[in-house]
């Protein structure tokens, strides 16, 4: 179609402009995916006895367990608190990444799953 083609409602339809905008958005999304790896967030559980750090790409970067918790020897509690801290860290990182993506897209709803872009 050319720029003098008619779109919905009789408005001019410029496929070239749409393609350029799509390429710009694709570039910005690619940059955002790279930036997501630099976004870090933490999650804590057990009153801060376990702390997990994750990035916006969905990677767990670090887990810290207070020595006093390890000293209890309660394996089940340590496992449960670790899972809770990791889940909080991943959720927090995902929310930060979504906020950054929203800045790029201007809050526009995207026709795809954000998690597929952020990893």
Protein backbone atom coordinates (compact mmCIF):
# COMPACT_ATOMS: atom_id res chain seq x y z
CA UNK A 1 0.00 0.00 0.00
CA UNK A 2 1.13 3.52 -0.63
CA UNK A 3 0.71 6.59 1.48
CA UNK A 4 -2.44 7.51 -0.49
CA UNK A 5 -4.18 4.25 0.42
CA UNK A 6 -7.17 4.53 2.66
CA UNK A 7 -7.23 2.96 6.10
CA UNK A 8 -10.20 2.54 8.46
CA UNK A 9 -12.49 5.54 8.42
CA UNK A 10 -11.03 6.87 5.18
CA UNK A 11 -7.83 8.08 6.87
CA UNK A 12 -4.54 7.92 4.94
CA UNK A 13 -2.66 4.63 5.52
CA UNK A 14 1.15 4.91 5.43
CA UNK A 15 2.61 1.41 5.67
CA UNK A 16 6.16 2.77 5.50
CA UNK A 17 5.58 4.94 8.55
CA UNK A 18 4.03 2.02 10.43
CA UNK A 19 7.01 -0.20 9.57
CA UNK A 20 9.47 2.49 10.71
CA UNK A 21 7.62 2.86 14.01
CA UNK A 22 7.61 -0.92 14.45
CA UNK A 23 11.37 -1.06 13.85
CA UNK A 24 11.93 1.75 16.35
CA UNK A 25 9.85 -0.07 18.94
CA UNK A 26 11.68 -3.34 18.25
CA UNK A 27 15.02 -1.61 18.79
CA UNK A 28 13.81 -0.04 22.04
CA UNK A 29 12.48 -3.39 23.27
CA UNK A 30 15.78 -5.07 22.48
CA UNK A 31 17.61 -2.37 24.42
CA UNK A 32 15.16 -2.83 27.30
CA UNK A 33 15.83 -6.55 27.41
CA UNK A 34 19.53 -5.81 27.78
CA UNK A 35 18.82 -3.20 30.45
CA UNK A 36 16.63 -5.66 32.35
CA UNK A 37 19.74 -7.57 33.29
CA UNK A 38 21.08 -4.48 35.06
CA UNK A 39 17.91 -4.03 37.13
CA UNK A 40 18.30 -5.69 40.50
CA UNK A 41 15.79 -6.16 43.28
CA UNK A 42 15.76 -7.97 46.59
CA UNK A 43 13.23 -10.02 48.45
CA UNK A 44 13.35 -10.85 52.14
CA UNK A 45 11.64 -13.43 54.28
CA UNK A 46 11.74 -14.57 57.87
CA UNK A 47 12.10 -11.02 59.11
CA UNK A 48 15.16 -10.52 56.93
CA UNK A 49 16.83 -13.79 57.86
CA UNK A 50 16.91 -14.74 54.16
CA UNK A 51 17.56 -12.22 51.41
CA UNK A 52 17.53 -12.99 47.69
CA UNK A 53 18.66 -10.72 44.88
CA UNK A 54 17.38 -11.12 41.31
CA UNK A 55 17.60 -9.16 38.09
CA UNK A 56 14.94 -8.03 35.64
CA UNK A 57 15.85 -10.88 33.29
CA UNK A 58 14.63 -13.38 35.89
CA UNK A 59 18.00 -14.56 37.15
CA UNK A 60 18.66 -15.11 40.85
CA UNK A 61 21.98 -13.42 41.56
CA UNK A 62 22.51 -14.01 45.25
CA UNK A 63 21.00 -15.66 48.32
CA UNK A 64 22.03 -14.62 51.81
CA UNK A 65 21.04 -16.63 54.89
CA UNK A 66 21.67 -15.34 58.39
CA UNK A 67 24.08 -17.60 60.28
CA UNK A 68 21.63 -17.82 63.20
CA UNK A 69 19.06 -19.41 60.88
CA UNK A 70 21.60 -21.92 59.59
CA UNK A 71 22.52 -22.72 63.20
CA UNK A 72 18.97 -23.83 63.91
CA UNK A 73 19.51 -26.75 61.55
CA UNK A 74 15.86 -26.53 60.48
CA UNK A 75 16.26 -27.55 56.85
CA UNK A 76 12.55 -27.27 56.02
CA UNK A 77 12.29 -23.74 57.39
CA UNK A 78 15.45 -22.64 55.56
CA UNK A 79 14.09 -24.05 52.30
CA UNK A 80 10.68 -22.41 52.77
CA UNK A 81 12.17 -19.03 53.63
CA UNK A 82 14.56 -19.25 50.69
CA UNK A 83 11.74 -19.96 48.24
CA UNK A 84 9.72 -17.06 49.66
CA UNK A 85 12.65 -14.63 49.41
CA UNK A 86 13.46 -15.70 45.85
CA UNK A 87 9.84 -15.31 44.75
CA UNK A 88 9.69 -11.82 46.27
CA UNK A 89 12.95 -10.81 44.60
CA UNK A 90 11.78 -12.08 41.20
CA UNK A 91 8.43 -10.32 41.57
CA UNK A 92 10.10 -7.05 42.57
CA UNK A 93 12.58 -7.24 39.68
CA UNK A 94 9.79 -8.06 37.21
CA UNK A 95 7.76 -5.05 38.42
CA UNK A 96 10.77 -2.74 38.04
CA UNK A 97 11.39 -4.08 34.53
CA UNK A 98 7.72 -3.55 33.62
CA UNK A 99 7.92 0.03 34.87
CA UNK A 100 10.98 0.64 32.70
CA UNK A 101 9.26 -0.94 29.68
CA UNK A 102 6.21 1.24 30.29
CA UNK A 103 8.44 4.32 30.00
CA UNK A 104 9.56 3.14 26.56
CA UNK A 105 6.13 2.21 25.27
CA UNK A 106 4.38 5.17 26.86
CA UNK A 107 2.07 2.80 28.75
CA UNK A 108 0.74 1.39 25.47
CA UNK A 109 -0.64 -2.14 25.82
CA UNK A 110 1.53 -4.58 23.90
CA UNK A 111 0.13 -7.52 21.92
CA UNK A 112 2.59 -9.95 23.51
CA UNK A 113 3.60 -11.34 26.86
CA UNK A 114 6.11 -9.11 28.66
CA UNK A 115 7.76 -12.15 30.24
CA UNK A 116 8.70 -13.46 26.79
CA UNK A 117 10.70 -10.28 26.23
CA UNK A 118 12.28 -9.97 29.64
CA UNK A 119 13.35 -13.58 29.81
